[in-house]
Amino acid sequence: MASDAVLTLSDANFDRDVLQSDLPVLVDFWATWCAPCKAIAPLIDAVAADYAGKVKVGKVNVDDNPATPGKYGVRGIPTLILFKGGKVVDQVVGAVPKSQLDALIAKAL
């Protein structure tokens, strides 16, 4: 599962931990039954370690927290959305390679 560097996000803490964050935040919308979500999980942990202090990384379980994915139009998982200053910078859907995650994060740095 998530490393210590990855925040566990919920409908309750999303505004505080993501939208009000001083740092850009990469949010992984996932579910326990999603095979591509499990496949990309080690990459999410690696990104959290690589960008520690520059970018926050968090995960939202879509089954436990339906309001937040609904608000951002998440229809397929995994969906990764990059936030900066409370706004969506970009997003990708599906299990993508780490190079694509690095390119996504570069847009906010």
N, C-alpha and C. Protein backbone atom coordinates (compact mmCIF):
# COMPACT_ATOMS: atom_id res chain seq x y z
N MET A 1 0.83 -1.20 0.00
CA MET A 1 0.00 0.00 0.00
C MET A 1 0.87 1.26 0.00
N ALA A 2 0.28 2.34 0.42
CA ALA A 2 0.97 3.63 0.35
C ALA A 2 2.14 3.70 1.32
N SER A 3 3.18 4.36 0.89
CA SER A 3 4.34 4.58 1.76
C SER A 3 4.02 5.73 2.72
N ASP A 4 4.92 5.96 3.67
CA ASP A 4 4.73 7.06 4.62
C ASP A 4 4.68 8.42 3.92
N ALA A 5 5.31 8.51 2.74
CA ALA A 5 5.37 9.77 2.02
C ALA A 5 4.06 10.10 1.30
N VAL A 6 3.17 9.09 1.19
CA VAL A 6 1.91 9.28 0.47
C VAL A 6 0.78 9.55 1.47
N LEU A 7 0.09 10.68 1.26
CA LEU A 7 -1.02 11.05 2.14
C LEU A 7 -2.25 10.21 1.83
N THR A 8 -3.00 9.87 2.87
CA THR A 8 -4.31 9.24 2.67
C THR A 8 -5.33 10.37 2.68
N LEU A 9 -5.95 10.58 1.54
CA LEU A 9 -6.89 11.68 1.38
C LEU A 9 -8.33 11.17 1.45
N SER A 10 -9.22 12.04 1.92
CA SER A 10 -10.63 11.68 2.03
C SER A 10 -11.48 12.89 1.64
N ASP A 11 -12.78 12.66 1.53
CA ASP A 11 -13.69 13.78 1.27
C ASP A 11 -13.54 14.83 2.37
N ALA A 12 -13.28 14.38 3.60
CA ALA A 12 -13.21 15.29 4.76
C ALA A 12 -11.96 16.16 4.76
N ASN A 13 -10.81 15.61 4.34
CA ASN A 13 -9.56 16.38 4.43
C ASN A 13 -9.06 16.91 3.09
N PHE A 14 -9.78 16.67 2.00
CA PHE A 14 -9.30 17.02 0.66
C PHE A 14 -9.05 18.52 0.51
N ASP A 15 -10.01 19.35 0.93
CA ASP A 15 -9.84 20.81 0.78
C ASP A 15 -8.60 21.29 1.52
N ARG A 16 -8.42 20.83 2.77
CA ARG A 16 -7.29 21.28 3.59
C ARG A 16 -5.96 20.77 3.03
N ASP A 17 -5.90 19.47 2.72
CA ASP A 17 -4.62 18.86 2.35
C ASP A 17 -4.24 19.04 0.89
N VAL A 18 -5.21 19.30 0.02
CA VAL A 18 -4.91 19.45 -1.41
C VAL A 18 -5.14 20.89 -1.87
N LEU A 19 -6.36 21.38 -1.74
CA LEU A 19 -6.69 22.68 -2.31
C LEU A 19 -6.01 23.83 -1.59
N GLN A 20 -5.73 23.67 -0.28
CA GLN A 20 -5.08 24.74 0.48
C GLN A 20 -3.58 24.50 0.66
N SER A 21 -3.03 23.51 -0.03
CA SER A 21 -1.61 23.18 0.11
C SER A 21 -0.72 24.26 -0.52
N ASP A 22 0.40 24.54 0.15
CA ASP A 22 1.39 25.46 -0.41
C ASP A 22 2.16 24.82 -1.56
N LEU A 23 2.23 23.49 -1.57
CA LEU A 23 2.95 22.75 -2.60
C LEU A 23 1.96 22.17 -3.61
N PRO A 24 2.43 21.90 -4.84
CA PRO A 24 1.58 21.15 -5.77
C PRO A 24 1.26 19.77 -5.17
N VAL A 25 0.11 19.22 -5.53
CA VAL A 25 -0.30 17.91 -5.00
C VAL A 25 -0.74 17.03 -6.15
N LEU A 26 -0.12 15.83 -6.23
CA LEU A 26 -0.54 14.81 -7.18
C LEU A 26 -1.47 13.87 -6.45
N VAL A 27 -2.71 13.74 -6.94
CA VAL A 27 -3.71 12.91 -6.28
C VAL A 27 -4.02 11.69 -7.16
N ASP A 28 -3.91 10.52 -6.55
CA ASP A 28 -4.20 9.24 -7.20
C ASP A 28 -5.59 8.79 -6.74
N PHE A 29 -6.55 8.77 -7.67
CA PHE A 29 -7.89 8.24 -7.38
C PHE A 29 -7.87 6.76 -7.73
N TRP A 30 -8.16 5.89 -6.74
CA TRP A 30 -7.96 4.45 -6.88
C TRP A 30 -9.02 3.68 -6.11
N ALA A 31 -8.99 2.35 -6.25
CA ALA A 31 -9.84 1.46 -5.47
C ALA A 31 -9.11 0.14 -5.24
N THR A 32 -9.47 -0.55 -4.18
CA THR A 32 -8.77 -1.80 -3.82
C THR A 32 -8.94 -2.89 -4.88
N TRP A 33 -10.06 -2.89 -5.60
CA TRP A 33 -10.35 -3.94 -6.59
C TRP A 33 -9.75 -3.64 -7.97
N CYS A 34 -9.09 -2.51 -8.12
CA CYS A 34 -8.60 -2.04 -9.43
C CYS A 34 -7.18 -2.55 -9.69
N ALA A 35 -7.04 -3.49 -10.64
CA ALA A 35 -5.72 -4.06 -10.95
C ALA A 35 -4.73 -3.01 -11.47
N PRO A 36 -5.12 -2.12 -12.41
CA PRO A 36 -4.16 -1.08 -12.85
C PRO A 36 -3.75 -0.16 -11.70
N CYS A 37 -4.65 0.07 -10.74
CA CYS A 37 -4.31 0.89 -9.57
C CYS A 37 -3.19 0.23 -8.76
N LYS A 38 -3.31 -1.09 -8.59
CA LYS A 38 -2.28 -1.83 -7.86
C LYS A 38 -0.97 -1.81 -8.63
N ALA A 39 -1.05 -1.87 -9.96
CA ALA A 39 0.15 -1.88 -10.79
C ALA A 39 0.92 -0.56 -10.70
N ILE A 40 0.19 0.54 -10.58
CA ILE A 40 0.83 1.85 -10.57
C ILE A 40 1.24 2.28 -9.15
N ALA A 41 0.76 1.60 -8.13
CA ALA A 41 1.04 1.99 -6.73
C ALA A 41 2.54 2.15 -6.43
N PRO A 42 3.42 1.23 -6.88
CA PRO A 42 4.86 1.44 -6.61
C PRO A 42 5.41 2.70 -7.27
N LEU A 43 4.86 3.08 -8.42
CA LEU A 43 5.29 4.32 -9.08
C LEU A 43 4.85 5.55 -8.29
N ILE A 44 3.67 5.47 -7.70
CA ILE A 44 3.17 6.58 -6.88
C ILE A 44 4.10 6.76 -5.68
N ASP A 45 4.48 5.64 -5.05
CA ASP A 45 5.42 5.70 -3.92
C ASP A 45 6.76 6.29 -4.35
N ALA A 46 7.24 5.90 -5.53
CA ALA A 46 8.53 6.40 -6.03
C ALA A 46 8.47 7.89 -6.30
N VAL A 47 7.37 8.35 -6.89
CA VAL A 47 7.19 9.78 -7.16
C VAL A 47 7.17 10.56 -5.85
N ALA A 48 6.48 10.02 -4.84
CA ALA A 48 6.41 10.69 -3.53
C ALA A 48 7.81 10.85 -2.95
N ALA A 49 8.64 9.82 -3.09
CA ALA A 49 10.01 9.87 -2.57
C ALA A 49 10.87 10.83 -3.40
N ASP A 50 10.75 10.75 -4.72
CA ASP A 50 11.57 11.57 -5.61
C ASP A 50 11.31 13.07 -5.44
N TYR A 51 10.05 13.43 -5.19
CA TYR A 51 9.67 14.84 -5.14
C TYR A 51 9.36 15.32 -3.72
N ALA A 52 9.84 14.59 -2.71
CA ALA A 52 9.60 14.97 -1.31
C ALA A 52 10.08 16.40 -1.09
N GLY A 53 9.23 17.21 -0.46
CA GLY A 53 9.56 18.60 -0.20
C GLY A 53 9.21 19.54 -1.35
N LYS A 54 8.92 18.99 -2.53
CA LYS A 54 8.56 19.81 -3.69
C LYS A 54 7.11 19.60 -4.11
N VAL A 55 6.65 18.35 -3.98
CA VAL A 55 5.29 17.99 -4.38
C VAL A 55 4.75 17.01 -3.34
N LYS A 56 3.50 17.23 -2.93
CA LYS A 56 2.82 16.26 -2.07
C LYS A 56 2.16 15.22 -2.97
N VAL A 57 2.07 14.01 -2.48
CA VAL A 57 1.38 12.94 -3.21
C VAL A 57 0.36 12.32 -2.27
N GLY A 58 -0.87 12.14 -2.77
CA GLY A 58 -1.92 11.56 -1.95
C GLY A 58 -2.79 10.62 -2.76
N LYS A 59 -3.54 9.79 -2.03
CA LYS A 59 -4.42 8.81 -2.66
C LYS A 59 -5.83 8.96 -2.08
N VAL A 60 -6.82 8.89 -2.98
CA VAL A 60 -8.23 8.92 -2.58
C VAL A 60 -8.86 7.59 -3.00
N ASN A 61 -9.36 6.82 -2.03
CA ASN A 61 -10.10 5.60 -2.34
C ASN A 61 -11.50 6.03 -2.79
N VAL A 62 -11.81 5.77 -4.07
CA VAL A 62 -13.07 6.27 -4.64
C VAL A 62 -14.30 5.57 -4.06
N ASP A 63 -14.13 4.35 -3.56
CA ASP A 63 -15.27 3.65 -2.95
C ASP A 63 -15.62 4.24 -1.59
N ASP A 64 -14.60 4.63 -0.82
CA ASP A 64 -14.82 5.17 0.52
C ASP A 64 -15.13 6.66 0.51
N ASN A 65 -14.74 7.36 -0.57
CA ASN A 65 -14.88 8.82 -0.66
C ASN A 65 -15.47 9.22 -2.01
N PRO A 66 -16.77 9.02 -2.22
CA PRO A 66 -17.36 9.26 -3.54
C PRO A 66 -17.52 10.73 -3.94
N ALA A 67 -17.57 11.65 -2.98
CA ALA A 67 -17.86 13.04 -3.31
C ALA A 67 -16.72 13.69 -4.10
N THR A 68 -15.48 13.48 -3.66
CA THR A 68 -14.34 14.15 -4.31
C THR A 68 -14.14 13.69 -5.75
N PRO A 69 -14.12 12.38 -6.04
CA PRO A 69 -13.98 11.98 -7.45
C PRO A 69 -15.15 12.51 -8.30
N GLY A 70 -16.34 12.55 -7.74
CA GLY A 70 -17.49 13.08 -8.47
C GLY A 70 -17.30 14.54 -8.82
N LYS A 71 -16.76 15.31 -7.88
CA LYS A 71 -16.54 16.74 -8.08
C LYS A 71 -15.57 17.00 -9.23
N TYR A 72 -14.59 16.09 -9.42
CA TYR A 72 -13.57 16.28 -10.46
C TYR A 72 -13.81 15.41 -11.69
N GLY A 73 -14.98 14.83 -11.80
CA GLY A 73 -15.35 14.08 -13.00
C GLY A 73 -14.54 12.82 -13.23
N VAL A 74 -14.09 12.19 -12.15
CA VAL A 74 -13.32 10.94 -12.28
C VAL A 74 -14.28 9.83 -12.67
N ARG A 75 -14.08 9.27 -13.86
CA ARG A 75 -14.95 8.20 -14.36
C ARG A 75 -14.22 6.89 -14.50
N GLY A 76 -12.89 6.94 -14.65
CA GLY A 76 -12.09 5.72 -14.75
C GLY A 76 -10.94 5.82 -13.77
N ILE A 77 -10.52 4.67 -13.28
CA ILE A 77 -9.38 4.68 -12.36
C ILE A 77 -8.32 3.71 -12.86
N PRO A 78 -7.05 3.94 -12.56
CA PRO A 78 -6.59 5.09 -11.79
C PRO A 78 -6.64 6.39 -12.60
N THR A 79 -7.05 7.45 -11.93
CA THR A 79 -6.95 8.80 -12.48
C THR A 79 -6.01 9.57 -11.57
N LEU A 80 -5.02 10.23 -12.16
CA LEU A 80 -4.08 11.04 -11.40
C LEU A 80 -4.30 12.49 -11.80
N ILE A 81 -4.59 13.32 -10.81
CA ILE A 81 -4.84 14.74 -11.06
C ILE A 81 -3.81 15.56 -10.29
N LEU A 82 -3.18 16.50 -10.99
CA LEU A 82 -2.19 17.38 -10.38
C LEU A 82 -2.85 18.72 -10.06
N PHE A 83 -2.75 19.11 -8.79
CA PHE A 83 -3.31 20.37 -8.32
C PHE A 83 -2.18 21.32 -7.94
N LYS A 84 -2.39 22.60 -8.21
CA LYS A 84 -1.46 23.64 -7.76
C LYS A 84 -2.29 24.88 -7.45
N GLY A 85 -2.10 25.43 -6.25
CA GLY A 85 -2.86 26.61 -5.86
C GLY A 85 -4.35 26.37 -5.85
N GLY A 86 -4.76 25.15 -5.53
CA GLY A 86 -6.18 24.82 -5.46
C GLY A 86 -6.85 24.57 -6.79
N LYS A 87 -6.08 24.59 -7.87
CA LYS A 87 -6.64 24.39 -9.22
C LYS A 87 -6.04 23.15 -9.87
N VAL A 88 -6.80 22.54 -10.78
CA VAL A 88 -6.30 21.40 -11.55
C VAL A 88 -5.33 21.91 -12.60
N VAL A 89 -4.10 21.35 -12.60
CA VAL A 89 -3.10 21.70 -13.60
C VAL A 89 -3.23 20.75 -14.80
N ASP A 90 -3.34 19.46 -14.51
CA ASP A 90 -3.44 18.45 -15.57
C ASP A 90 -3.85 17.13 -14.95
N GLN A 91 -4.18 16.16 -15.80
CA GLN A 91 -4.51 14.83 -15.30
C GLN A 91 -4.21 13.78 -16.34
N VAL A 92 -4.01 12.55 -15.85
CA VAL A 92 -3.85 11.39 -16.72
C VAL A 92 -4.73 10.27 -16.17
N VAL A 93 -5.20 9.42 -17.08
CA VAL A 93 -6.03 8.28 -16.69
C VAL A 93 -5.33 7.01 -17.13
N GLY A 94 -5.29 6.03 -16.22
CA GLY A 94 -4.70 4.74 -16.53
C GLY A 94 -3.34 4.57 -15.90
N ALA A 95 -2.85 3.36 -15.99
CA ALA A 95 -1.53 3.03 -15.45
C ALA A 95 -0.48 3.49 -16.45
N VAL A 96 0.12 4.63 -16.18
CA VAL A 96 1.09 5.24 -17.10
C VAL A 96 2.50 5.02 -16.58
N PRO A 97 3.51 5.11 -17.46
CA PRO A 97 4.90 4.95 -16.99
C PRO A 97 5.35 6.14 -16.14
N LYS A 98 6.37 5.92 -15.33
CA LYS A 98 6.88 6.96 -14.43
C LYS A 98 7.32 8.20 -15.22
N SER A 99 7.87 8.01 -16.41
CA SER A 99 8.29 9.16 -17.22
C SER A 99 7.12 10.09 -17.49
N GLN A 100 5.93 9.53 -17.68
CA GLN A 100 4.75 10.37 -17.93
C GLN A 100 4.34 11.10 -16.64
N LEU A 101 4.51 10.43 -15.49
CA LEU A 101 4.21 11.09 -14.22
C LEU A 101 5.21 12.23 -13.98
N ASP A 102 6.48 12.00 -14.28
CA ASP A 102 7.51 13.04 -14.13
C ASP A 102 7.17 14.25 -15.01
N ALA A 103 6.74 14.00 -16.24
CA ALA A 103 6.38 15.08 -17.16
C ALA A 103 5.17 15.86 -16.65
N LEU A 104 4.21 15.14 -16.07
CA LEU A 104 3.03 15.76 -15.50
C LEU A 104 3.42 16.70 -14.36
N ILE A 105 4.26 16.21 -13.45
CA ILE A 105 4.69 17.00 -12.29
C ILE A 105 5.52 18.20 -12.72
N ALA A 106 6.30 18.06 -13.78
CA ALA A 106 7.13 19.17 -14.27
C ALA A 106 6.29 20.39 -14.60
N LYS A 107 5.03 20.19 -14.96
CA LYS A 107 4.15 21.31 -15.31
C LYS A 107 3.84 22.20 -14.12
N ALA A 108 4.02 21.66 -12.90
CA ALA A 108 3.68 22.44 -11.71
C ALA A 108 4.92 22.97 -10.98
N LEU A 109 6.12 22.57 -11.42
CA LEU A 109 7.34 23.00 -10.73
C LEU A 109 7.98 24.19 -11.41
